[in-house]
Amino acid sequence: MVKFAEQVLFERKKLVESLRKMKNVTKLTLNHNNIGIQGAKSISQLEHLTSLNISINGIYQGAEFIGQLKNLTELDISNNLLGDFEGEKSISQLQKLTILNISCNRINDEGAKSLSQLNQLTNLNIRLNEIGDEGAKFIGKMQNLTLLTIDHNQIQTQGAKYLSNLVNLKTLYIHGNENIEREGSKAISEMKELRSVKLDHIHILYANVRFGMNVSVSYYNKNNYI
């Protein structure tokens, strides 16, 4: 068992060292490699990166290094517990981002406020976090969004109303926010540019679904994400 652990540490060290040598790479997919903070620090030296996937890597405080990659336009940093270390503040410095997956990171309303500064975002995946109505208020100001995945958070009726202010939004996944009532569902269904939406089965009863809108239904279960 000890030998296996030593081998894992050795392989991780080799990976981190190799990252430092990839100076001209523009796209890097490195999900599920447990590169940790040191790996994030090495990646921060790859100044030509425009697309990066480092989901499930134990980044933690290492988000401060990822926030130095000013040329990034696409980033998947999901499943890294950033919210425990306010890592979303560092990510909010990446002003060229158009696509961001920051799901499963324990991000709360303050974190949502920081991320709302990413004015170029068109695609935001922030599912499975801890965002409530106050956070939705800030997300609702991101007027370039065309796709928003915000299911399984803590959004209620007022939060749904805030999100309905996203005038360019075409696709919305908002299921798993079980406390959205009639007025919230109604506001969502009346969004003029919205073409596709996923709601909980109970919310569909309240929605005024337009002809031509693609609606999918989730049968919400607290123990399963459907």
C-alpha atoms as a PDB file:
ATOM      1  CA  MET A   1       0.000   0.000   0.000  1.00  0.00           C
ATOM      2  CA  VAL A   2       2.836   2.366   0.841  1.00  0.00           C
ATOM      3  CA  LYS A   3       4.580   1.538  -2.422  1.00  0.00           C
ATOM      4  CA  PHE A   4       1.404   2.297  -4.356  1.00  0.00           C
ATOM      5  CA  ALA A   5       1.090   5.680  -2.612  1.00  0.00           C
ATOM      6  CA  GLU A   6       4.722   6.464  -3.400  1.00  0.00           C
ATOM      7  CA  GLN A   7       4.148   5.573  -7.056  1.00  0.00           C
ATOM      8  CA  VAL A   8       1.096   7.851  -7.230  1.00  0.00           C
ATOM      9  CA  LEU A   9       3.082  10.736  -5.758  1.00  0.00           C
ATOM     10  CA  PHE A  10       5.927  10.074  -8.201  1.00  0.00           C
ATOM     11  CA  GLU A  11       3.590  10.034 -11.198  1.00  0.00           C
ATOM     12  CA  ARG A  12       1.904  13.236 -10.045  1.00  0.00           C
ATOM     13  CA  LYS A  13       5.284  14.940  -9.647  1.00  0.00           C
ATOM     14  CA  LYS A  14       6.262  13.897 -13.180  1.00  0.00           C
ATOM     15  CA  LEU A  15       2.984  15.229 -14.526  1.00  0.00           C
ATOM     16  CA  VAL A  16       3.418  18.575 -12.763  1.00  0.00           C
ATOM     17  CA  GLU A  17       6.964  18.877 -14.075  1.00  0.00           C
ATOM     18  CA  SER A  18       5.890  18.068 -17.637  1.00  0.00           C
ATOM     19  CA  LEU A  19       3.249  20.785 -17.525  1.00  0.00           C
ATOM     20  CA  ARG A  20       5.944  23.422 -17.108  1.00  0.00           C
ATOM     21  CA  LYS A  21       7.438  22.438 -20.462  1.00  0.00           C
ATOM     22  CA  MET A  22       4.253  22.843 -22.517  1.00  0.00           C
ATOM     23  CA  LYS A  23       4.777  26.528 -23.164  1.00  0.00           C
ATOM     24  CA  ASN A  24       2.970  26.828 -26.512  1.00  0.00           C
ATOM     25  CA  VAL A  25      -0.090  24.671 -25.863  1.00  0.00           C
ATOM     26  CA  THR A  26      -3.435  26.423 -26.400  1.00  0.00           C
ATOM     27  CA  LYS A  27      -5.854  23.658 -25.370  1.00  0.00           C
ATOM     28  CA  LEU A  28      -5.377  21.360 -22.374  1.00  0.00           C
ATOM     29  CA  THR A  29      -7.670  18.612 -21.022  1.00  0.00           C
ATOM     30  CA  LEU A  30      -6.456  17.245 -17.714  1.00  0.00           C
ATOM     31  CA  ASN A  31      -9.578  16.266 -15.823  1.00  0.00           C
ATOM     32  CA  HIS A  32      -9.514  13.705 -12.993  1.00  0.00           C
ATOM     33  CA  ASN A  33      -5.730  13.723 -12.451  1.00  0.00           C
ATOM     34  CA  ASN A  34      -5.471  15.101  -8.914  1.00  0.00           C
ATOM     35  CA  ILE A  35      -2.860  17.668  -9.921  1.00  0.00           C
ATOM     36  CA  GLY A  36      -3.585  19.748  -6.829  1.00  0.00           C
ATOM     37  CA  ILE A  37      -2.343  23.233  -6.054  1.00  0.00           C
ATOM     38  CA  GLN A  38       1.147  22.622  -7.461  1.00  0.00           C
ATOM     39  CA  GLY A  39      -0.329  21.467 -10.743  1.00  0.00           C
ATOM     40  CA  ALA A  40      -2.450  24.597 -10.926  1.00  0.00           C
ATOM     41  CA  LYS A  41       0.659  26.678 -10.299  1.00  0.00           C
ATOM     42  CA  SER A  42       2.458  24.972 -13.183  1.00  0.00           C
ATOM     43  CA  ILE A  43      -0.501  25.469 -15.510  1.00  0.00           C
ATOM     44  CA  SER A  44      -0.494  29.199 -14.707  1.00  0.00           C
ATOM     45  CA  GLN A  45       2.755  29.479 -16.691  1.00  0.00           C
ATOM     46  CA  LEU A  46       1.039  28.340 -19.902  1.00  0.00           C
ATOM     47  CA  GLU A  47       0.139  31.843 -21.007  1.00  0.00           C
ATOM     48  CA  HIS A  48      -1.107  30.806 -24.466  1.00  0.00           C
ATOM     49  CA  LEU A  49      -3.911  28.613 -23.128  1.00  0.00           C
ATOM     50  CA  THR A  50      -7.371  29.455 -24.448  1.00  0.00           C
ATOM     51  CA  SER A  51      -9.198  26.250 -23.422  1.00  0.00           C
ATOM     52  CA  LEU A  52      -8.672  24.327 -20.171  1.00  0.00           C
ATOM     53  CA  ASN A  53     -10.417  21.374 -18.499  1.00  0.00           C
ATOM     54  CA  ILE A  54      -9.178  20.643 -14.968  1.00  0.00           C
ATOM     55  CA  SER A  55     -12.315  19.224 -13.393  1.00  0.00           C
ATOM     56  CA  ILE A  56     -11.942  16.884 -10.395  1.00  0.00           C
ATOM     57  CA  ASN A  57      -8.342  17.760  -9.595  1.00  0.00           C
ATOM     58  CA  GLY A  58      -8.211  18.942  -5.985  1.00  0.00           C
ATOM     59  CA  ILE A  59      -7.410  22.497  -7.085  1.00  0.00           C
ATOM     60  CA  TYR A  60      -8.741  24.157  -3.903  1.00  0.00           C
ATOM     61  CA  GLN A  61      -6.682  27.350  -3.229  1.00  0.00           C
ATOM     62  CA  GLY A  62      -4.950  26.800  -6.576  1.00  0.00           C
ATOM     63  CA  ALA A  63      -7.714  28.766  -8.290  1.00  0.00           C
ATOM     64  CA  GLU A  64      -5.595  31.872  -7.682  1.00  0.00           C
ATOM     65  CA  PHE A  65      -3.080  30.508 -10.199  1.00  0.00           C
ATOM     66  CA  ILE A  66      -5.736  29.612 -12.772  1.00  0.00           C
ATOM     67  CA  GLY A  67      -6.982  33.190 -12.471  1.00  0.00           C
ATOM     68  CA  GLN A  68      -3.709  34.327 -14.032  1.00  0.00           C
ATOM     69  CA  LEU A  69      -4.499  32.717 -17.403  1.00  0.00           C
ATOM     70  CA  LYS A  70      -5.836  35.870 -19.011  1.00  0.00           C
ATOM     71  CA  ASN A  71      -6.266  34.380 -22.500  1.00  0.00           C
ATOM     72  CA  LEU A  72      -8.695  31.638 -21.462  1.00  0.00           C
ATOM     73  CA  THR A  73     -12.004  31.657 -23.310  1.00  0.00           C
ATOM     74  CA  GLU A  74     -13.207  28.198 -22.143  1.00  0.00           C
ATOM     75  CA  LEU A  75     -12.759  26.718 -18.672  1.00  0.00           C
ATOM     76  CA  ASP A  76     -14.058  23.604 -16.923  1.00  0.00           C
ATOM     77  CA  ILE A  77     -13.044  23.765 -13.260  1.00  0.00           C
ATOM     78  CA  SER A  78     -15.936  21.769 -11.851  1.00  0.00           C
ATOM     79  CA  ASN A  79     -15.672  19.550  -8.743  1.00  0.00           C
ATOM     80  CA  ASN A  80     -12.767  21.331  -7.058  1.00  0.00           C
ATOM     81  CA  LEU A  81     -14.311  22.775  -3.846  1.00  0.00           C
ATOM     82  CA  LEU A  82     -13.480  26.322  -4.924  1.00  0.00           C
ATOM     83  CA  GLY A  83     -16.216  27.818  -2.774  1.00  0.00           C
ATOM     84  CA  ASP A  84     -14.444  26.695   0.396  1.00  0.00           C
ATOM     85  CA  PHE A  85     -11.531  28.977  -0.496  1.00  0.00           C
ATOM     86  CA  GLU A  86     -13.350  31.792  -2.369  1.00  0.00           C
ATOM     87  CA  GLY A  87     -11.692  30.563  -5.551  1.00  0.00           C
ATOM     88  CA  GLU A  88     -14.473  32.010  -7.679  1.00  0.00           C
ATOM     89  CA  LYS A  89     -13.020  35.472  -6.977  1.00  0.00           C
ATOM     90  CA  SER A  90      -9.896  34.447  -8.876  1.00  0.00           C
ATOM     91  CA  ILE A  91     -11.898  32.923 -11.715  1.00  0.00           C
ATOM     92  CA  SER A  92     -13.862  36.175 -12.065  1.00  0.00           C
ATOM     93  CA  GLN A  93     -10.637  37.837 -13.252  1.00  0.00           C
ATOM     94  CA  LEU A  94     -10.716  35.835 -16.494  1.00  0.00           C
ATOM     95  CA  GLN A  95     -12.514  38.464 -18.517  1.00  0.00           C
ATOM     96  CA  LYS A  96     -12.175  36.691 -21.890  1.00  0.00           C
ATOM     97  CA  LEU A  97     -14.162  33.647 -20.769  1.00  0.00           C
ATOM     98  CA  THR A  98     -17.190  32.820 -22.899  1.00  0.00           C
ATOM     99  CA  ILE A  99     -17.770  29.258 -21.582  1.00  0.00           C
ATOM    100  CA  LEU A 100     -17.444  28.324 -17.904  1.00  0.00           C
ATOM    101  CA  ASN A 101     -18.286  25.111 -16.044  1.00  0.00           C
ATOM    102  CA  ILE A 102     -17.889  25.754 -12.314  1.00  0.00           C
ATOM    103  CA  SER A 103     -20.434  23.237 -11.086  1.00  0.00           C
ATOM    104  CA  CYS A 104     -20.115  21.222  -7.847  1.00  0.00           C
ATOM    105  CA  ASN A 105     -17.922  23.745  -6.034  1.00  0.00           C
ATOM    106  CA  ARG A 106     -19.959  24.857  -2.979  1.00  0.00           C
ATOM    107  CA  ILE A 107     -20.381  28.325  -4.436  1.00  0.00           C
ATOM    108  CA  ASN A 108     -22.793  30.565  -2.529  1.00  0.00           C
ATOM    109  CA  ASP A 109     -24.454  33.915  -3.229  1.00  0.00           C
ATOM    110  CA  GLU A 110     -21.238  35.885  -2.740  1.00  0.00           C
ATOM    111  CA  GLY A 111     -19.534  33.599  -5.201  1.00  0.00           C
ATOM    112  CA  ALA A 112     -22.300  34.177  -7.727  1.00  0.00           C
ATOM    113  CA  LYS A 113     -21.799  37.913  -7.277  1.00  0.00           C
ATOM    114  CA  SER A 114     -18.112  37.545  -8.165  1.00  0.00           C
ATOM    115  CA  LEU A 115     -18.838  35.411 -11.225  1.00  0.00           C
ATOM    116  CA  SER A 116     -21.401  37.922 -12.501  1.00  0.00           C
ATOM    117  CA  GLN A 117     -18.436  40.151 -13.392  1.00  0.00           C
ATOM    118  CA  LEU A 118     -17.626  37.833 -16.311  1.00  0.00           C
ATOM    119  CA  ASN A 119     -19.342  39.996 -18.895  1.00  0.00           C
ATOM    120  CA  GLN A 120     -18.367  37.944 -21.960  1.00  0.00           C
ATOM    121  CA  LEU A 121     -19.876  34.662 -20.759  1.00  0.00           C
ATOM    122  CA  THR A 122     -22.451  33.102 -23.064  1.00  0.00           C
ATOM    123  CA  ASN A 123     -22.485  29.618 -21.483  1.00  0.00           C
ATOM    124  CA  LEU A 124     -22.456  29.165 -17.695  1.00  0.00           C
ATOM    125  CA  ASN A 125     -22.783  25.853 -15.847  1.00  0.00           C
ATOM    126  CA  ILE A 126     -23.151  26.517 -12.118  1.00  0.00           C
ATOM    127  CA  ARG A 127     -25.260  23.512 -11.154  1.00  0.00           C
ATOM    128  CA  LEU A 128     -25.043  21.672  -7.828  1.00  0.00           C
ATOM    129  CA  ASN A 129     -23.898  24.644  -5.780  1.00  0.00           C
ATOM    130  CA  GLU A 130     -25.434  26.673  -2.928  1.00  0.00           C
ATOM    131  CA  ILE A 131     -26.882  29.635  -4.810  1.00  0.00           C
ATOM    132  CA  GLY A 132     -30.084  31.186  -3.549  1.00  0.00           C
ATOM    133  CA  ASP A 133     -32.221  34.107  -4.613  1.00  0.00           C
ATOM    134  CA  GLU A 134     -29.584  36.716  -3.777  1.00  0.00           C
ATOM    135  CA  GLY A 135     -27.061  34.978  -6.011  1.00  0.00           C
ATOM    136  CA  ALA A 136     -29.664  34.602  -8.759  1.00  0.00           C
ATOM    137  CA  LYS A 137     -30.109  38.369  -8.684  1.00  0.00           C
ATOM    138  CA  PHE A 138     -26.516  38.808  -9.839  1.00  0.00           C
ATOM    139  CA  ILE A 139     -26.628  35.955 -12.364  1.00  0.00           C
ATOM    140  CA  GLY A 140     -29.753  37.605 -13.781  1.00  0.00           C
ATOM    141  CA  LYS A 141     -27.641  40.603 -14.802  1.00  0.00           C
ATOM    142  CA  MET A 142     -25.359  38.603 -17.106  1.00  0.00           C
ATOM    143  CA  GLN A 143     -27.009  39.741 -20.297  1.00  0.00           C
ATOM    144  CA  ASN A 144     -24.769  37.877 -22.764  1.00  0.00           C
ATOM    145  CA  LEU A 145     -25.786  34.463 -21.440  1.00  0.00           C
ATOM    146  CA  THR A 146     -27.530  32.243 -23.985  1.00  0.00           C
ATOM    147  CA  LEU A 147     -27.198  28.976 -22.017  1.00  0.00           C
ATOM    148  CA  LEU A 148     -27.509  28.691 -18.239  1.00  0.00           C
ATOM    149  CA  THR A 149     -27.308  25.460 -16.241  1.00  0.00           C
ATOM    150  CA  ILE A 150     -28.286  26.286 -12.671  1.00  0.00           C
ATOM    151  CA  ASP A 151     -30.175  23.194 -11.540  1.00  0.00           C
ATOM    152  CA  HIS A 152     -29.964  21.782  -8.004  1.00  0.00           C
ATOM    153  CA  ASN A 153     -29.218  24.997  -6.158  1.00  0.00           C
ATOM    154  CA  GLN A 154     -31.362  26.833  -3.590  1.00  0.00           C
ATOM    155  CA  ILE A 155     -33.302  29.143  -5.900  1.00  0.00           C
ATOM    156  CA  GLN A 156     -36.865  30.004  -4.985  1.00  0.00           C
ATOM    157  CA  THR A 157     -39.602  32.070  -6.613  1.00  0.00           C
ATOM    158  CA  GLN A 158     -37.880  35.454  -6.415  1.00  0.00           C
ATOM    159  CA  GLY A 159     -34.669  33.988  -7.778  1.00  0.00           C
ATOM    160  CA  ALA A 160     -36.529  32.585 -10.769  1.00  0.00           C
ATOM    161  CA  LYS A 161     -37.931  36.054 -11.414  1.00  0.00           C
ATOM    162  CA  TYR A 162     -34.417  37.503 -11.360  1.00  0.00           C
ATOM    163  CA  LEU A 163     -33.268  34.915 -13.891  1.00  0.00           C
ATOM    164  CA  SER A 164     -36.164  35.785 -16.178  1.00  0.00           C
ATOM    165  CA  ASN A 165     -34.354  39.103 -16.817  1.00  0.00           C
ATOM    166  CA  LEU A 166     -31.814  37.284 -18.999  1.00  0.00           C
ATOM    167  CA  VAL A 167     -33.156  38.656 -22.252  1.00  0.00           C
ATOM    168  CA  ASN A 168     -30.803  36.705 -24.552  1.00  0.00           C
ATOM    169  CA  LEU A 169     -31.133  33.332 -22.822  1.00  0.00           C
ATOM    170  CA  LYS A 170     -32.138  30.501 -25.155  1.00  0.00           C
ATOM    171  CA  THR A 171     -31.548  27.408 -22.990  1.00  0.00           C
ATOM    172  CA  LEU A 172     -32.168  27.048 -19.260  1.00  0.00           C
ATOM    173  CA  TYR A 173     -31.781  24.091 -16.898  1.00  0.00           C
ATOM    174  CA  ILE A 174     -33.379  25.046 -13.577  1.00  0.00           C
ATOM    175  CA  HIS A 175     -34.797  21.763 -12.278  1.00  0.00           C
ATOM    176  CA  GLY A 176     -33.955  20.613  -8.770  1.00  0.00           C
ATOM    177  CA  ASN A 177     -34.777  24.024  -7.256  1.00  0.00           C
ATOM    178  CA  GLU A 178     -37.853  22.660  -5.579  1.00  0.00           C
ATOM    179  CA  ASN A 179     -39.176  25.847  -3.911  1.00  0.00           C
ATOM    180  CA  ILE A 180     -39.991  27.759  -7.091  1.00  0.00           C
ATOM    181  CA  GLU A 181     -43.713  28.492  -6.977  1.00  0.00           C
ATOM    182  CA  ARG A 182     -46.291  29.638  -9.519  1.00  0.00           C
ATOM    183  CA  GLU A 183     -45.023  33.195 -10.109  1.00  0.00           C
ATOM    184  CA  GLY A 184     -41.456  32.023 -10.634  1.00  0.00           C
ATOM    185  CA  SER A 185     -42.396  29.312 -13.122  1.00  0.00           C
ATOM    186  CA  LYS A 186     -44.642  31.744 -14.962  1.00  0.00           C
ATOM    187  CA  ALA A 187     -41.854  34.320 -15.237  1.00  0.00           C
ATOM    188  CA  ILE A 188     -39.464  31.724 -16.675  1.00  0.00           C
ATOM    189  CA  SER A 189     -41.956  30.444 -19.235  1.00  0.00           C
ATOM    190  CA  GLU A 190     -42.594  33.993 -20.493  1.00  0.00           C
ATOM    191  CA  MET A 191     -38.960  34.706 -21.402  1.00  0.00           C
ATOM    192  CA  LYS A 192     -39.156  35.819 -25.028  1.00  0.00           C
ATOM    193  CA  GLU A 193     -35.924  34.313 -26.402  1.00  0.00           C
ATOM    194  CA  LEU A 194     -36.083  31.073 -24.411  1.00  0.00           C
ATOM    195  CA  ARG A 195     -36.301  28.045 -26.702  1.00  0.00           C
ATOM    196  CA  SER A 196     -35.471  25.159 -24.358  1.00  0.00           C
ATOM    197  CA  VAL A 197     -36.083  24.739 -20.627  1.00  0.00           C
ATOM    198  CA  LYS A 198     -35.892  21.905 -18.095  1.00  0.00           C
ATOM    199  CA  LEU A 199     -38.220  22.232 -15.097  1.00  0.00           C
ATOM    200  CA  ASP A 200     -39.344  20.034 -12.231  1.00  0.00           C
ATOM    201  CA  HIS A 201     -42.566  18.198 -12.969  1.00  0.00           C
ATOM    202  CA  ILE A 202     -44.547  20.255 -10.449  1.00  0.00           C
ATOM    203  CA  HIS A 203     -43.372  23.553 -11.971  1.00  0.00           C
ATOM    204  CA  ILE A 204     -44.636  22.629 -15.413  1.00  0.00           C
ATOM    205  CA  LEU A 205     -48.176  22.944 -14.060  1.00  0.00           C
ATOM    206  CA  TYR A 206     -47.573  26.642 -13.436  1.00  0.00           C
ATOM    207  CA  ALA A 207     -45.737  27.490 -16.637  1.00  0.00           C
ATOM    208  CA  ASN A 208     -47.276  29.165 -19.679  1.00  0.00           C
ATOM    209  CA  VAL A 209     -45.476  27.094 -22.279  1.00  0.00           C
ATOM    210  CA  ARG A 210     -45.328  28.743 -25.692  1.00  0.00           C
ATOM    211  CA  PHE A 211     -45.737  26.957 -28.987  1.00  0.00           C
ATOM    212  CA  GLY A 212     -42.317  25.943 -30.267  1.00  0.00           C
ATOM    213  CA  MET A 213     -40.624  25.869 -26.860  1.00  0.00           C
ATOM    214  CA  ASN A 214     -38.770  22.640 -26.071  1.00  0.00           C
ATOM    215  CA  VAL A 215     -39.661  21.602 -22.510  1.00  0.00           C
ATOM    216  CA  SER A 216     -38.186  18.649 -20.616  1.00  0.00           C
ATOM    217  CA  VAL A 217     -39.373  17.545 -17.208  1.00  0.00           C
ATOM    218  CA  SER A 218     -37.398  16.331 -14.210  1.00  0.00           C
ATOM    219  CA  TYR A 219     -39.036  14.183 -11.569  1.00  0.00           C
ATOM    220  CA  TYR A 220     -37.175  15.603  -8.606  1.00  0.00           C
ATOM    221  CA  ASN A 221     -35.880  13.256  -5.943  1.00  0.00           C
ATOM    222  CA  LYS A 222     -33.652  14.586  -3.140  1.00  0.00           C
ATOM    223  CA  ASN A 223     -31.533  11.456  -3.324  1.00  0.00           C
ATOM    224  CA  ASN A 224     -31.063  11.487  -7.088  1.00  0.00           C
ATOM    225  CA  TYR A 225     -30.176  14.070  -9.723  1.00  0.00           C
ATOM    226  CA  ILE A 226     -32.329  13.242 -12.731  1.00  0.00           C
END
